């Protein structure tokens, strides 16, 4: 399995969602993408587990937009990712900009930094619990 195939139109926050609306996008973003908050310009950009400078997940985009447009980001709670999930599986940042994948695919993907995004509590809902470790995956993570 690779990155989740997310249908942006189906991404939705739950009633317990923790939202942040204080920032603008610093790149073109679609709903469902994992984002960082760039400390150099306070803009939301696509997170990437293959780059130590981009692996600190801030949240998941709930809307899309172009560079300079306002973004709504979910940073906690439950989220419908608009993708099919495996119940009980941990999902992490992938090495594709903004991508999310199951943790068991992380080792096979090459050198990636471990940023946990959450755990699937149903086939459509991810319970967010962001953990940015700043370290690479161990070879025996599976």
Protein backbone atom coordinates (compact mmCIF):
# COMPACT_ATOMS: atom_id res chain seq x y z
CA UNK A 1 0.00 0.00 0.00
CA UNK A 2 1.17 3.52 -0.73
CA UNK A 3 -0.22 6.92 0.22
CA UNK A 4 -3.91 7.14 0.98
CA UNK A 5 -6.04 8.07 -2.00
CA UNK A 6 -7.90 11.05 -0.55
CA UNK A 7 -11.00 12.56 -2.14
CA UNK A 8 -10.62 16.23 -1.16
CA UNK A 9 -14.37 16.91 -1.43
CA UNK A 10 -15.02 14.28 1.28
CA UNK A 11 -12.54 15.61 3.87
CA UNK A 12 -14.50 16.84 6.89
CA UNK A 13 -13.90 17.77 10.51
CA UNK A 14 -15.84 16.03 13.27
CA UNK A 15 -17.69 17.65 16.16
CA UNK A 16 -14.62 17.21 18.42
CA UNK A 17 -12.19 18.73 15.89
CA UNK A 18 -9.52 21.18 16.99
CA UNK A 19 -9.26 23.81 14.25
CA UNK A 20 -6.80 26.57 13.45
CA UNK A 21 -7.72 29.38 11.05
CA UNK A 22 -4.92 31.83 11.78
CA UNK A 23 -2.59 31.15 8.82
CA UNK A 24 -2.35 31.44 5.05
CA UNK A 25 -1.11 28.80 2.63
CA UNK A 26 2.46 29.20 1.40
CA UNK A 27 1.88 26.81 -1.51
CA UNK A 28 -1.04 25.34 -3.44
CA UNK A 29 -2.80 22.89 -1.11
CA UNK A 30 -5.78 20.53 -1.41
CA UNK A 31 -7.96 19.32 1.45
CA UNK A 32 -6.63 16.23 3.22
CA UNK A 33 -2.95 17.10 2.87
CA UNK A 34 -0.59 17.06 5.88
CA UNK A 35 0.89 20.50 6.56
CA UNK A 36 3.74 22.13 8.42
CA UNK A 37 3.71 25.65 9.84
CA UNK A 38 6.82 27.29 8.39
CA UNK A 39 8.40 29.29 11.21
CA UNK A 40 10.28 31.55 8.77
CA UNK A 41 7.13 33.11 7.31
CA UNK A 42 4.22 31.67 9.39
CA UNK A 43 2.67 30.02 6.33
CA UNK A 44 1.19 26.55 5.89
CA UNK A 45 3.16 24.31 3.52
CA UNK A 46 3.09 20.65 2.55
CA UNK A 47 4.81 18.35 5.04
CA UNK A 48 7.28 15.75 3.73
CA UNK A 49 8.76 12.85 5.74
CA UNK A 50 11.77 12.58 3.41
CA UNK A 51 13.02 16.05 4.41
CA UNK A 52 14.03 16.80 8.02
CA UNK A 53 13.16 20.47 7.44
CA UNK A 54 9.57 19.59 6.43
CA UNK A 55 8.70 16.63 8.67
CA UNK A 56 7.05 18.45 11.60
CA UNK A 57 3.32 17.98 11.01
CA UNK A 58 1.12 20.87 12.20
CA UNK A 59 -2.19 19.45 10.98
CA UNK A 60 -4.35 18.43 8.04
CA UNK A 61 -5.87 20.88 5.56
CA UNK A 62 -9.66 21.04 5.65
CA UNK A 63 -9.83 23.28 2.60
CA UNK A 64 -7.77 23.86 -0.49
CA UNK A 65 -6.25 27.06 -1.73
CA UNK A 66 -3.41 28.77 -3.50
CA UNK A 67 -0.34 30.49 -2.09
CA UNK A 68 -1.49 33.43 0.05
CA UNK A 69 -5.05 32.22 0.58
CA UNK A 70 -6.36 31.44 4.08
CA UNK A 71 -6.22 27.86 5.28
CA UNK A 72 -8.29 25.96 7.83
CA UNK A 73 -6.24 23.24 9.51
CA UNK A 74 -7.37 20.48 11.84
CA UNK A 75 -4.76 19.83 14.53
CA UNK A 76 -6.65 17.38 16.76
CA UNK A 77 -9.82 15.36 17.21
CA UNK A 78 -11.43 13.05 14.68
CA UNK A 79 -11.30 13.71 10.93
CA UNK A 80 -12.92 12.10 7.92
CA UNK A 81 -9.96 11.88 5.54
CA UNK A 82 -12.07 11.09 2.49
CA UNK A 83 -10.15 7.81 2.13
CA UNK A 84 -10.58 4.17 3.08
CA UNK A 85 -8.71 3.36 6.30
CA UNK A 86 -7.90 0.12 8.15
CA UNK A 87 -9.36 0.16 11.67
CA UNK A 88 -6.65 0.17 14.35
CA UNK A 89 -3.85 1.04 11.93
CA UNK A 90 -1.47 3.92 12.68
CA UNK A 91 -1.11 6.49 9.90
CA UNK A 92 1.99 8.62 9.37
CA UNK A 93 3.41 11.33 7.15
CA UNK A 94 4.75 9.94 3.87
CA UNK A 95 7.71 10.90 1.72
CA UNK A 96 5.35 12.47 -0.82
CA UNK A 97 4.61 16.14 -0.11
CA UNK A 98 1.43 16.27 2.00
CA UNK A 99 0.88 12.51 1.79
CA UNK A 100 -0.36 10.18 4.52
CA UNK A 101 0.35 6.42 4.62
CA UNK A 102 0.07 3.42 6.94
CA UNK A 103 3.06 3.05 9.26
CA UNK A 104 3.88 -0.43 7.99
CA UNK A 105 4.74 1.08 4.60
CA UNK A 106 7.21 3.56 6.09
CA UNK A 107 10.26 1.27 6.26
CA UNK A 108 9.80 0.05 2.70
CA UNK A 109 9.68 3.65 1.47
CA UNK A 110 13.33 4.45 2.23
CA UNK A 111 14.71 7.12 4.53
CA UNK A 112 11.78 8.81 6.22
CA UNK A 113 11.37 10.78 9.43
CA UNK A 114 8.67 9.45 11.75
CA UNK A 115 5.71 11.77 12.23
CA UNK A 116 2.60 10.00 13.50
CA UNK A 117 -0.68 11.61 12.45
CA UNK A 118 -3.23 9.31 14.09
CA UNK A 119 -5.03 5.99 14.37
CA UNK A 120 -8.02 4.83 12.32
CA UNK A 121 -11.09 4.32 14.53
CA UNK A 122 -13.31 3.36 11.58
CA UNK A 123 -12.88 2.81 7.85
CA UNK A 124 -13.28 6.55 7.27
CA UNK A 125 -12.35 8.33 10.52
CA UNK A 126 -8.83 9.04 11.80
CA UNK A 127 -8.37 9.99 15.45
CA UNK A 128 -5.59 12.55 15.26
CA UNK A 129 -2.71 12.39 17.71
CA UNK A 130 0.25 14.10 16.08
CA UNK A 131 3.68 13.01 17.31
CA UNK A 132 6.69 14.56 15.58
CA UNK A 133 9.68 12.46 16.57
CA UNK A 134 12.37 14.07 14.41
CA UNK A 135 14.07 10.69 14.01
CA UNK A 136 14.20 8.20 11.15
CA UNK A 137 12.26 4.93 11.27
CA UNK A 138 14.05 1.93 12.72
CA UNK A 139 14.54 -0.97 10.32
CA UNK A 140 12.33 -3.22 12.47
CA UNK A 141 9.27 -0.95 12.86
CA UNK A 142 6.99 -3.62 11.42
